[in-house]
């Protein structure tokens, strides 16, 4: 028997689920997917790295702890990596630029 950890949803409390309306759908448009990932709490960032990317959460944690990377930058990288996985690097970069344009003011 194999068990896997559940991804916590956008609300930061319950498992990610369409029923709980706290999910990121693989069919969400790139800008929406990127924005949803950016909306997760900083506390969930490492769990998302661990479960959704090939980048080791321990490495990201060390970079955050040493101040090498800012939490916002870590989340931006995560959002771009996940969005690129489903929509391609170009769409992910465009979503990042749109997000920055809207929320950097």
PDB file of N, CA and C in Angstrom:
ATOM      1  N   UNK A   1       0.832  -1.167   0.000  1.00  0.00           N
ATOM      2  CA  UNK A   1       0.000   0.000   0.000  1.00  0.00           C
ATOM      3  C   UNK A   1       0.893   1.252   0.000  1.00  0.00           C
ATOM      4  N   UNK A   2       0.498   2.223  -0.782  1.00  0.00           N
ATOM      5  CA  UNK A   2       1.264   3.463  -0.842  1.00  0.00           C
ATOM      6  C   UNK A   2       0.343   4.616  -0.479  1.00  0.00           C
ATOM      7  N   UNK A   3       0.846   5.502   0.347  1.00  0.00           N
ATOM      8  CA  UNK A   3       0.077   6.697   0.683  1.00  0.00           C
ATOM      9  C   UNK A   3       0.863   7.918   0.252  1.00  0.00           C
ATOM     10  N   UNK A   4       0.136   8.933  -0.133  1.00  0.00           N
ATOM     11  CA  UNK A   4       0.752  10.180  -0.566  1.00  0.00           C
ATOM     12  C   UNK A   4       0.136  11.332   0.218  1.00  0.00           C
ATOM     13  N   UNK A   5       0.917  12.377   0.454  1.00  0.00           N
ATOM     14  CA  UNK A   5       0.347  13.523   1.169  1.00  0.00           C
ATOM     15  C   UNK A   5      -0.670  14.256   0.289  1.00  0.00           C
ATOM     16  N   UNK A   6      -1.648  14.863   0.944  1.00  0.00           N
ATOM     17  CA  UNK A   6      -2.644  15.652   0.228  1.00  0.00           C
ATOM     18  C   UNK A   6      -2.182  17.091   0.153  1.00  0.00           C
ATOM     19  N   UNK A   7      -2.464  17.715  -0.951  1.00  0.00           N
ATOM     20  CA  UNK A   7      -2.130  19.122  -1.132  1.00  0.00           C
ATOM     21  C   UNK A   7      -3.194  19.960  -0.424  1.00  0.00           C
ATOM     22  N   UNK A   8      -2.761  20.866   0.410  1.00  0.00           N
ATOM     23  CA  UNK A   8      -3.681  21.767   1.096  1.00  0.00           C
ATOM     24  C   UNK A   8      -4.172  22.789   0.087  1.00  0.00           C
ATOM     25  N   UNK A   9      -5.452  23.110   0.161  1.00  0.00           N
ATOM     26  CA  UNK A   9      -6.057  24.025  -0.794  1.00  0.00           C
ATOM     27  C   UNK A   9      -5.725  25.485  -0.536  1.00  0.00           C
ATOM     28  N   UNK A  10      -6.268  26.336  -1.371  1.00  0.00           N
ATOM     29  CA  UNK A  10      -6.002  27.763  -1.321  1.00  0.00           C
ATOM     30  C   UNK A  10      -6.425  28.408  -0.005  1.00  0.00           C
ATOM     31  N   UNK A  11      -7.361  27.782   0.692  1.00  0.00           N
ATOM     32  CA  UNK A  11      -7.814  28.335   1.970  1.00  0.00           C
ATOM     33  C   UNK A  11      -6.809  28.084   3.088  1.00  0.00           C
ATOM     34  N   UNK A  12      -5.834  27.216   2.829  1.00  0.00           N
ATOM     35  CA  UNK A  12      -4.791  26.932   3.811  1.00  0.00           C
ATOM     36  C   UNK A  12      -5.208  26.005   4.929  1.00  0.00           C
ATOM     37  N   UNK A  13      -6.403  25.426   4.845  1.00  0.00           N
ATOM     38  CA  UNK A  13      -6.899  24.581   5.927  1.00  0.00           C
ATOM     39  C   UNK A  13      -7.291  23.189   5.462  1.00  0.00           C
ATOM     40  N   UNK A  14      -8.096  23.118   4.422  1.00  0.00           N
ATOM     41  CA  UNK A  14      -8.614  21.826   3.976  1.00  0.00           C
ATOM     42  C   UNK A  14      -7.833  21.326   2.765  1.00  0.00           C
ATOM     43  N   UNK A  15      -8.006  20.022   2.481  1.00  0.00           N
ATOM     44  CA  UNK A  15      -7.370  19.469   1.290  1.00  0.00           C
ATOM     45  C   UNK A  15      -7.887  20.208   0.059  1.00  0.00           C
ATOM     46  N   UNK A  16      -7.055  20.289  -0.963  1.00  0.00           N
ATOM     47  CA  UNK A  16      -7.466  20.955  -2.190  1.00  0.00           C
ATOM     48  C   UNK A  16      -8.592  20.152  -2.827  1.00  0.00           C
ATOM     49  N   UNK A  17      -9.684  20.842  -3.103  1.00  0.00           N
ATOM     50  CA  UNK A  17     -10.850  20.153  -3.631  1.00  0.00           C
ATOM     51  C   UNK A  17     -11.774  21.128  -4.346  1.00  0.00           C
ATOM     52  N   UNK A  18     -12.310  20.673  -5.467  1.00  0.00           N
ATOM     53  CA  UNK A  18     -13.308  21.469  -6.183  1.00  0.00           C
ATOM     54  C   UNK A  18     -14.537  21.672  -5.304  1.00  0.00           C
ATOM     55  N   UNK A  19     -14.873  20.662  -4.529  1.00  0.00           N
ATOM     56  CA  UNK A  19     -16.024  20.732  -3.628  1.00  0.00           C
ATOM     57  C   UNK A  19     -15.865  21.867  -2.618  1.00  0.00           C
ATOM     58  N   UNK A  20     -14.662  22.039  -2.100  1.00  0.00           N
ATOM     59  CA  UNK A  20     -14.402  23.080  -1.108  1.00  0.00           C
ATOM     60  C   UNK A  20     -14.115  24.443  -1.762  1.00  0.00           C
ATOM     61  N   UNK A  21     -14.102  24.461  -3.088  1.00  0.00           N
ATOM     62  CA  UNK A  21     -13.833  25.690  -3.848  1.00  0.00           C
ATOM     63  C   UNK A  21     -12.498  26.322  -3.440  1.00  0.00           C
ATOM     64  N   UNK A  22     -11.497  25.495  -3.225  1.00  0.00           N
ATOM     65  CA  UNK A  22     -10.169  25.961  -2.845  1.00  0.00           C
ATOM     66  C   UNK A  22      -9.092  25.321  -3.729  1.00  0.00           C
ATOM     67  N   UNK A  23      -9.442  25.105  -4.983  1.00  0.00           N
ATOM     68  CA  UNK A  23      -8.574  24.342  -5.869  1.00  0.00           C
ATOM     69  C   UNK A  23      -7.979  25.201  -6.989  1.00  0.00           C
ATOM     70  N   UNK A  24      -6.949  24.651  -7.584  1.00  0.00           N
ATOM     71  CA  UNK A  24      -6.353  25.187  -8.804  1.00  0.00           C
ATOM     72  C   UNK A  24      -6.579  24.111  -9.856  1.00  0.00           C
ATOM     73  N   UNK A  25      -7.402  24.422 -10.836  1.00  0.00           N
ATOM     74  CA  UNK A  25      -7.699  23.438 -11.878  1.00  0.00           C
ATOM     75  C   UNK A  25      -6.597  23.444 -12.936  1.00  0.00           C
ATOM     76  N   UNK A  26      -6.280  22.286 -13.470  1.00  0.00           N
ATOM     77  CA  UNK A  26      -5.278  22.223 -14.531  1.00  0.00           C
ATOM     78  C   UNK A  26      -5.779  22.923 -15.793  1.00  0.00           C
ATOM     79  N   UNK A  27      -7.071  23.160 -15.867  1.00  0.00           N
ATOM     80  CA  UNK A  27      -7.654  23.860 -17.018  1.00  0.00           C
ATOM     81  C   UNK A  27      -7.828  25.361 -16.772  1.00  0.00           C
ATOM     82  N   UNK A  28      -7.464  25.838 -15.579  1.00  0.00           N
ATOM     83  CA  UNK A  28      -7.524  27.280 -15.332  1.00  0.00           C
ATOM     84  C   UNK A  28      -6.619  27.992 -16.336  1.00  0.00           C
ATOM     85  N   UNK A  29      -7.056  29.135 -16.872  1.00  0.00           N
ATOM     86  CA  UNK A  29      -6.192  29.899 -17.778  1.00  0.00           C
ATOM     87  C   UNK A  29      -4.885  30.278 -17.070  1.00  0.00           C
ATOM     88  N   UNK A  30      -3.808  30.489 -17.820  1.00  0.00           N
ATOM     89  CA  UNK A  30      -2.504  30.754 -17.209  1.00  0.00           C
ATOM     90  C   UNK A  30      -2.507  31.877 -16.170  1.00  0.00           C
ATOM     91  N   UNK A  31      -3.133  33.000 -16.481  1.00  0.00           N
ATOM     92  CA  UNK A  31      -3.138  34.122 -15.537  1.00  0.00           C
ATOM     93  C   UNK A  31      -3.869  33.758 -14.246  1.00  0.00           C
ATOM     94  N   UNK A  32      -4.940  32.995 -14.368  1.00  0.00           N
ATOM     95  CA  UNK A  32      -5.697  32.582 -13.189  1.00  0.00           C
ATOM     96  C   UNK A  32      -4.903  31.578 -12.362  1.00  0.00           C
ATOM     97  N   UNK A  33      -4.270  30.627 -13.029  1.00  0.00           N
ATOM     98  CA  UNK A  33      -3.453  29.631 -12.336  1.00  0.00           C
ATOM     99  C   UNK A  33      -2.315  30.324 -11.585  1.00  0.00           C
ATOM    100  N   UNK A  34      -1.636  31.222 -12.272  1.00  0.00           N
ATOM    101  CA  UNK A  34      -0.524  31.956 -11.671  1.00  0.00           C
ATOM    102  C   UNK A  34      -1.025  32.736 -10.453  1.00  0.00           C
ATOM    103  N   UNK A  35      -2.121  33.451 -10.608  1.00  0.00           N
ATOM    104  CA  UNK A  35      -2.666  34.249  -9.525  1.00  0.00           C
ATOM    105  C   UNK A  35      -3.090  33.419  -8.329  1.00  0.00           C
ATOM    106  N   UNK A  36      -3.684  32.275  -8.580  1.00  0.00           N
ATOM    107  CA  UNK A  36      -4.097  31.404  -7.477  1.00  0.00           C
ATOM    108  C   UNK A  36      -2.889  30.915  -6.688  1.00  0.00           C
ATOM    109  N   UNK A  37      -1.833  30.569  -7.385  1.00  0.00           N
ATOM    110  CA  UNK A  37      -0.628  30.116  -6.684  1.00  0.00           C
ATOM    111  C   UNK A  37      -0.026  31.257  -5.870  1.00  0.00           C
ATOM    112  N   UNK A  38      -0.057  32.455  -6.421  1.00  0.00           N
ATOM    113  CA  UNK A  38       0.456  33.613  -5.687  1.00  0.00           C
ATOM    114  C   UNK A  38      -0.392  33.924  -4.455  1.00  0.00           C
ATOM    115  N   UNK A  39      -1.631  33.453  -4.433  1.00  0.00           N
ATOM    116  CA  UNK A  39      -2.516  33.749  -3.305  1.00  0.00           C
ATOM    117  C   UNK A  39      -2.335  32.803  -2.119  1.00  0.00           C
ATOM    118  N   UNK A  40      -1.556  31.735  -2.283  1.00  0.00           N
ATOM    119  CA  UNK A  40      -1.369  30.819  -1.157  1.00  0.00           C
ATOM    120  C   UNK A  40      -0.565  31.515  -0.060  1.00  0.00           C
ATOM    121  N   UNK A  41      -0.732  31.048   1.150  1.00  0.00           N
ATOM    122  CA  UNK A  41       0.024  31.628   2.264  1.00  0.00           C
ATOM    123  C   UNK A  41       1.498  31.242   2.129  1.00  0.00           C
ATOM    124  N   UNK A  42       2.348  32.072   2.694  1.00  0.00           N
ATOM    125  CA  UNK A  42       3.786  31.776   2.670  1.00  0.00           C
ATOM    126  C   UNK A  42       4.074  30.435   3.329  1.00  0.00           C
ATOM    127  N   UNK A  43       3.266  30.066   4.314  1.00  0.00           N
ATOM    128  CA  UNK A  43       3.464  28.797   5.023  1.00  0.00           C
ATOM    129  C   UNK A  43       3.295  27.582   4.115  1.00  0.00           C
ATOM    130  N   UNK A  44       2.488  27.713   3.069  1.00  0.00           N
ATOM    131  CA  UNK A  44       2.236  26.585   2.164  1.00  0.00           C
ATOM    132  C   UNK A  44       3.243  26.499   1.023  1.00  0.00           C
ATOM    133  N   UNK A  45       4.031  27.515   0.832  1.00  0.00           N
ATOM    134  CA  UNK A  45       4.932  27.570  -0.322  1.00  0.00           C
ATOM    135  C   UNK A  45       5.832  26.342  -0.406  1.00  0.00           C
ATOM    136  N   UNK A  46       6.454  25.969   0.697  1.00  0.00           N
ATOM    137  CA  UNK A  46       7.375  24.822   0.667  1.00  0.00           C
ATOM    138  C   UNK A  46       6.654  23.517   0.378  1.00  0.00           C
ATOM    139  N   UNK A  47       5.454  23.356   0.926  1.00  0.00           N
ATOM    140  CA  UNK A  47       4.689  22.143   0.641  1.00  0.00           C
ATOM    141  C   UNK A  47       4.350  22.080  -0.848  1.00  0.00           C
ATOM    142  N   UNK A  48       3.976  23.193  -1.429  1.00  0.00           N
ATOM    143  CA  UNK A  48       3.658  23.220  -2.853  1.00  0.00           C
ATOM    144  C   UNK A  48       4.904  22.903  -3.688  1.00  0.00           C
ATOM    145  N   UNK A  49       6.056  23.467  -3.301  1.00  0.00           N
ATOM    146  CA  UNK A  49       7.306  23.127  -4.000  1.00  0.00           C
ATOM    147  C   UNK A  49       7.537  21.625  -3.941  1.00  0.00           C
ATOM    148  N   UNK A  50       7.388  21.060  -2.767  1.00  0.00           N
ATOM    149  CA  UNK A  50       7.654  19.640  -2.565  1.00  0.00           C
ATOM    150  C   UNK A  50       6.737  18.750  -3.390  1.00  0.00           C
ATOM    151  N   UNK A  51       5.455  19.097  -3.442  1.00  0.00           N
ATOM    152  CA  UNK A  51       4.484  18.233  -4.105  1.00  0.00           C
ATOM    153  C   UNK A  51       4.271  18.538  -5.587  1.00  0.00           C
ATOM    154  N   UNK A  52       4.617  19.746  -6.027  1.00  0.00           N
ATOM    155  CA  UNK A  52       4.295  20.134  -7.399  1.00  0.00           C
ATOM    156  C   UNK A  52       5.498  20.369  -8.309  1.00  0.00           C
ATOM    157  N   UNK A  53       6.699  20.330  -7.756  1.00  0.00           N
ATOM    158  CA  UNK A  53       7.875  20.592  -8.593  1.00  0.00           C
ATOM    159  C   UNK A  53       8.953  19.543  -8.338  1.00  0.00           C
ATOM    160  N   UNK A  54       9.969  19.575  -9.173  1.00  0.00           N
ATOM    161  CA  UNK A  54      11.125  18.703  -8.988  1.00  0.00           C
ATOM    162  C   UNK A  54      12.187  19.368  -8.119  1.00  0.00           C
ATOM    163  N   UNK A  55      11.979  20.646  -7.798  1.00  0.00           N
ATOM    164  CA  UNK A  55      12.930  21.386  -6.976  1.00  0.00           C
ATOM    165  C   UNK A  55      12.715  21.003  -5.514  1.00  0.00           C
ATOM    166  N   UNK A  56      13.764  20.660  -4.839  1.00  0.00           N
ATOM    167  CA  UNK A  56      13.657  20.203  -3.451  1.00  0.00           C
ATOM    168  C   UNK A  56      13.223  21.336  -2.527  1.00  0.00           C
ATOM    169  N   UNK A  57      12.206  21.065  -1.745  1.00  0.00           N
ATOM    170  CA  UNK A  57      11.712  22.056  -0.785  1.00  0.00           C
ATOM    171  C   UNK A  57      12.799  22.416   0.217  1.00  0.00           C
ATOM    172  N   UNK A  58      13.672  21.470   0.536  1.00  0.00           N
ATOM    173  CA  UNK A  58      14.754  21.736   1.487  1.00  0.00           C
ATOM    174  C   UNK A  58      15.701  22.801   0.946  1.00  0.00           C
ATOM    175  N   UNK A  59      15.942  22.755  -0.354  1.00  0.00           N
ATOM    176  CA  UNK A  59      16.811  23.759  -0.973  1.00  0.00           C
ATOM    177  C   UNK A  59      16.160  25.137  -0.924  1.00  0.00           C
ATOM    178  N   UNK A  60      14.890  25.189  -1.246  1.00  0.00           N
ATOM    179  CA  UNK A  60      14.158  26.456  -1.206  1.00  0.00           C
ATOM    180  C   UNK A  60      14.114  26.973   0.228  1.00  0.00           C
ATOM    181  N   UNK A  61      13.881  26.064   1.177  1.00  0.00           N
ATOM    182  CA  UNK A  61      13.841  26.436   2.586  1.00  0.00           C
ATOM    183  C   UNK A  61      15.180  27.032   3.034  1.00  0.00           C
ATOM    184  N   UNK A  62      16.261  26.412   2.617  1.00  0.00           N
ATOM    185  CA  UNK A  62      17.595  26.919   2.971  1.00  0.00           C
ATOM    186  C   UNK A  62      17.820  28.297   2.367  1.00  0.00           C
ATOM    187  N   UNK A  63      17.401  28.488   1.123  1.00  0.00           N
ATOM    188  CA  UNK A  63      17.554  29.790   0.466  1.00  0.00           C
ATOM    189  C   UNK A  63      16.714  30.856   1.163  1.00  0.00           C
ATOM    190  N   UNK A  64      15.520  30.479   1.599  1.00  0.00           N
ATOM    191  CA  UNK A  64      14.668  31.421   2.333  1.00  0.00           C
ATOM    192  C   UNK A  64      15.284  31.745   3.692  1.00  0.00           C
ATOM    193  N   UNK A  65      15.758  30.731   4.378  1.00  0.00           N
ATOM    194  CA  UNK A  65      16.340  30.911   5.711  1.00  0.00           C
ATOM    195  C   UNK A  65      17.590  31.758   5.705  1.00  0.00           C
ATOM    196  N   UNK A  66      18.386  31.641   4.650  1.00  0.00           N
ATOM    197  CA  UNK A  66      19.636  32.401   4.567  1.00  0.00           C
ATOM    198  C   UNK A  66      19.415  33.807   4.023  1.00  0.00           C
ATOM    199  N   UNK A  67      18.208  34.070   3.569  1.00  0.00           N
ATOM    200  CA  UNK A  67      17.932  35.385   2.982  1.00  0.00           C
ATOM    201  C   UNK A  67      18.361  35.496   1.526  1.00  0.00           C
ATOM    202  N   UNK A  68      18.792  34.375   0.955  1.00  0.00           N
ATOM    203  CA  UNK A  68      19.228  34.362  -0.442  1.00  0.00           C
ATOM    204  C   UNK A  68      18.055  34.671  -1.384  1.00  0.00           C
ATOM    205  N   UNK A  69      16.861  34.295  -0.958  1.00  0.00           N
ATOM    206  CA  UNK A  69      15.664  34.534  -1.758  1.00  0.00           C
ATOM    207  C   UNK A  69      14.552  35.057  -0.848  1.00  0.00           C
ATOM    208  N   UNK A  70      13.804  36.011  -1.329  1.00  0.00           N
ATOM    209  CA  UNK A  70      12.676  36.593  -0.590  1.00  0.00           C
ATOM    210  C   UNK A  70      11.463  35.674  -0.761  1.00  0.00           C
ATOM    211  N   UNK A  71      10.603  35.570   0.261  1.00  0.00           N
ATOM    212  CA  UNK A  71       9.416  34.707   0.142  1.00  0.00           C
ATOM    213  C   UNK A  71       8.563  35.015  -1.090  1.00  0.00           C
ATOM    214  N   UNK A  72       8.431  36.281  -1.452  1.00  0.00           N
ATOM    215  CA  UNK A  72       7.641  36.632  -2.632  1.00  0.00           C
ATOM    216  C   UNK A  72       8.297  36.079  -3.898  1.00  0.00           C
ATOM    217  N   UNK A  73       9.616  36.170  -3.978  1.00  0.00           N
ATOM    218  CA  UNK A  73      10.340  35.651  -5.138  1.00  0.00           C
ATOM    219  C   UNK A  73      10.205  34.132  -5.229  1.00  0.00           C
ATOM    220  N   UNK A  74      10.226  33.460  -4.077  1.00  0.00           N
ATOM    221  CA  UNK A  74      10.057  32.001  -4.060  1.00  0.00           C
ATOM    222  C   UNK A  74       8.679  31.626  -4.590  1.00  0.00           C
ATOM    223  N   UNK A  75       7.673  32.394  -4.190  1.00  0.00           N
ATOM    224  CA  UNK A  75       6.309  32.110  -4.635  1.00  0.00           C
ATOM    225  C   UNK A  75       6.148  32.433  -6.121  1.00  0.00           C
ATOM    226  N   UNK A  76       6.779  33.510  -6.585  1.00  0.00           N
ATOM    227  CA  UNK A  76       6.729  33.847  -8.013  1.00  0.00           C
ATOM    228  C   UNK A  76       7.365  32.747  -8.852  1.00  0.00           C
ATOM    229  N   UNK A  77       8.480  32.221  -8.378  1.00  0.00           N
ATOM    230  CA  UNK A  77       9.151  31.125  -9.083  1.00  0.00           C
ATOM    231  C   UNK A  77       8.258  29.882  -9.120  1.00  0.00           C
ATOM    232  N   UNK A  78       7.639  29.576  -8.004  1.00  0.00           N
ATOM    233  CA  UNK A  78       6.720  28.437  -7.928  1.00  0.00           C
ATOM    234  C   UNK A  78       5.562  28.616  -8.900  1.00  0.00           C
ATOM    235  N   UNK A  79       4.942  29.784  -8.882  1.00  0.00           N
ATOM    236  CA  UNK A  79       3.799  30.055  -9.766  1.00  0.00           C
ATOM    237  C   UNK A  79       4.200  29.931 -11.232  1.00  0.00           C
ATOM    238  N   UNK A  80       5.379  30.422 -11.561  1.00  0.00           N
ATOM    239  CA  UNK A  80       5.824  30.341 -12.943  1.00  0.00           C
ATOM    240  C   UNK A  80       6.136  28.901 -13.345  1.00  0.00           C
ATOM    241  N   UNK A  81       6.747  28.135 -12.453  1.00  0.00           N
ATOM    242  CA  UNK A  81       7.074  26.739 -12.752  1.00  0.00           C
ATOM    243  C   UNK A  81       5.810  25.906 -12.985  1.00  0.00           C
ATOM    244  N   UNK A  82       4.830  26.060 -12.110  1.00  0.00           N
ATOM    245  CA  UNK A  82       3.610  25.267 -12.222  1.00  0.00           C
ATOM    246  C   UNK A  82       2.815  25.690 -13.451  1.00  0.00           C
ATOM    247  N   UNK A  83       2.698  26.983 -13.677  1.00  0.00           N
ATOM    248  CA  UNK A  83       1.962  27.472 -14.847  1.00  0.00           C
ATOM    249  C   UNK A  83       2.643  27.012 -16.131  1.00  0.00           C
ATOM    250  N   UNK A  84       3.963  27.052 -16.166  1.00  0.00           N
ATOM    251  CA  UNK A  84       4.706  26.608 -17.352  1.00  0.00           C
ATOM    252  C   UNK A  84       4.499  25.119 -17.617  1.00  0.00           C
ATOM    253  N   UNK A  85       4.349  24.338 -16.576  1.00  0.00           N
ATOM    254  CA  UNK A  85       4.137  22.900 -16.744  1.00  0.00           C
ATOM    255  C   UNK A  85       2.871  22.619 -17.559  1.00  0.00           C
ATOM    256  N   UNK A  86       1.830  23.414 -17.338  1.00  0.00           N
ATOM    257  CA  UNK A  86       0.554  23.176 -18.016  1.00  0.00           C
ATOM    258  C   UNK A  86       0.355  24.026 -19.265  1.00  0.00           C
ATOM    259  N   UNK A  87       0.968  25.194 -19.333  1.00  0.00           N
ATOM    260  CA  UNK A  87       0.693  26.127 -20.422  1.00  0.00           C
ATOM    261  C   UNK A  87       1.921  26.549 -21.221  1.00  0.00           C
ATOM    262  N   UNK A  88       3.105  26.143 -20.810  1.00  0.00           N
ATOM    263  CA  UNK A  88       4.326  26.510 -21.517  1.00  0.00           C
ATOM    264  C   UNK A  88       4.988  27.737 -20.898  1.00  0.00           C
ATOM    265  N   UNK A  89       6.281  27.871 -21.163  1.00  0.00           N
ATOM    266  CA  UNK A  89       7.068  28.957 -20.561  1.00  0.00           C
ATOM    267  C   UNK A  89       6.595  30.339 -21.009  1.00  0.00           C
ATOM    268  N   UNK A  90       6.211  30.463 -22.267  1.00  0.00           N
ATOM    269  CA  UNK A  90       5.756  31.754 -22.773  1.00  0.00           C
ATOM    270  C   UNK A  90       4.497  32.236 -22.070  1.00  0.00           C
ATOM    271  N   UNK A  91       3.534  31.344 -21.924  1.00  0.00           N
ATOM    272  CA  UNK A  91       2.286  31.699 -21.248  1.00  0.00           C
ATOM    273  C   UNK A  91       2.529  32.001 -19.773  1.00  0.00           C
ATOM    274  N   UNK A  92       3.447  31.269 -19.161  1.00  0.00           N
ATOM    275  CA  UNK A  92       3.760  31.504 -17.747  1.00  0.00           C
ATOM    276  C   UNK A  92       4.431  32.866 -17.571  1.00  0.00           C
ATOM    277  N   UNK A  93       5.350  33.206 -18.460  1.00  0.00           N
ATOM    278  CA  UNK A  93       6.015  34.504 -18.386  1.00  0.00           C
ATOM    279  C   UNK A  93       5.019  35.643 -18.595  1.00  0.00           C
ATOM    280  N   UNK A  94       4.089  35.449 -19.513  1.00  0.00           N
ATOM    281  CA  UNK A  94       3.056  36.460 -19.757  1.00  0.00           C
ATOM    282  C   UNK A  94       2.154  36.614 -18.535  1.00  0.00           C
ATOM    283  N   UNK A  95       1.784  35.511 -17.922  1.00  0.00           N
ATOM    284  CA  UNK A  95       0.953  35.552 -16.712  1.00  0.00           C
ATOM    285  C   UNK A  95       1.696  36.268 -15.585  1.00  0.00           C
ATOM    286  N   UNK A  96       2.995  36.014 -15.457  1.00  0.00           N
ATOM    287  CA  UNK A  96       3.801  36.676 -14.423  1.00  0.00           C
ATOM    288  C   UNK A  96       3.851  38.184 -14.660  1.00  0.00           C
ATOM    289  N   UNK A  97       4.024  38.574 -15.914  1.00  0.00           N
ATOM    290  CA  UNK A  97       4.079  40.001 -16.248  1.00  0.00           C
ATOM    291  C   UNK A  97       2.743  40.678 -15.964  1.00  0.00           C
ATOM    292  N   UNK A  98       1.647  40.014 -16.313  1.00  0.00           N
ATOM    293  CA  UNK A  98       0.313  40.557 -16.053  1.00  0.00           C
ATOM    294  C   UNK A  98       0.072  40.703 -14.558  1.00  0.00           C
ATOM    295  N   UNK A  99       0.458  39.685 -13.804  1.00  0.00           N
ATOM    296  CA  UNK A  99       0.276  39.723 -12.352  1.00  0.00           C
ATOM    297  C   UNK A  99       1.068  40.880 -11.760  1.00  0.00           C
ATOM    298  N   UNK A 100       2.308  41.005 -12.177  1.00  0.00           N
ATOM    299  CA  UNK A 100       3.166  42.073 -11.670  1.00  0.00           C
ATOM    300  C   UNK A 100       2.610  43.451 -12.006  1.00  0.00           C
ATOM    301  N   UNK A 101       2.103  43.593 -13.217  1.00  0.00           N
ATOM    302  CA  UNK A 101       1.541  44.867 -13.660  1.00  0.00           C
ATOM    303  C   UNK A 101       0.327  45.256 -12.807  1.00  0.00           C
ATOM    304  N   UNK A 102      -0.493  44.284 -12.466  1.00  0.00           N
ATOM    305  CA  UNK A 102      -1.723  44.545 -11.704  1.00  0.00           C
ATOM    306  C   UNK A 102      -1.426  44.748 -10.215  1.00  0.00           C
ATOM    307  N   UNK A 103      -0.563  43.918  -9.646  1.00  0.00           N
ATOM    308  CA  UNK A 103      -0.403  43.895  -8.189  1.00  0.00           C
ATOM    309  C   UNK A 103       0.846  44.573  -7.669  1.00  0.00           C
ATOM    310  N   UNK A 104       1.692  45.116  -8.516  1.00  0.00           N
ATOM    311  CA  UNK A 104       2.910  45.754  -8.011  1.00  0.00           C
ATOM    312  C   UNK A 104       2.699  47.220  -7.666  1.00  0.00           C
ATOM    313  N   UNK A 105       1.524  47.724  -7.913  1.00  0.00           N
ATOM    314  CA  UNK A 105       1.262  49.136  -7.592  1.00  0.00           C
ATOM    315  C   UNK A 105       0.881  49.303  -6.157  1.00  0.00           C
TER     316      UNK A 105
END
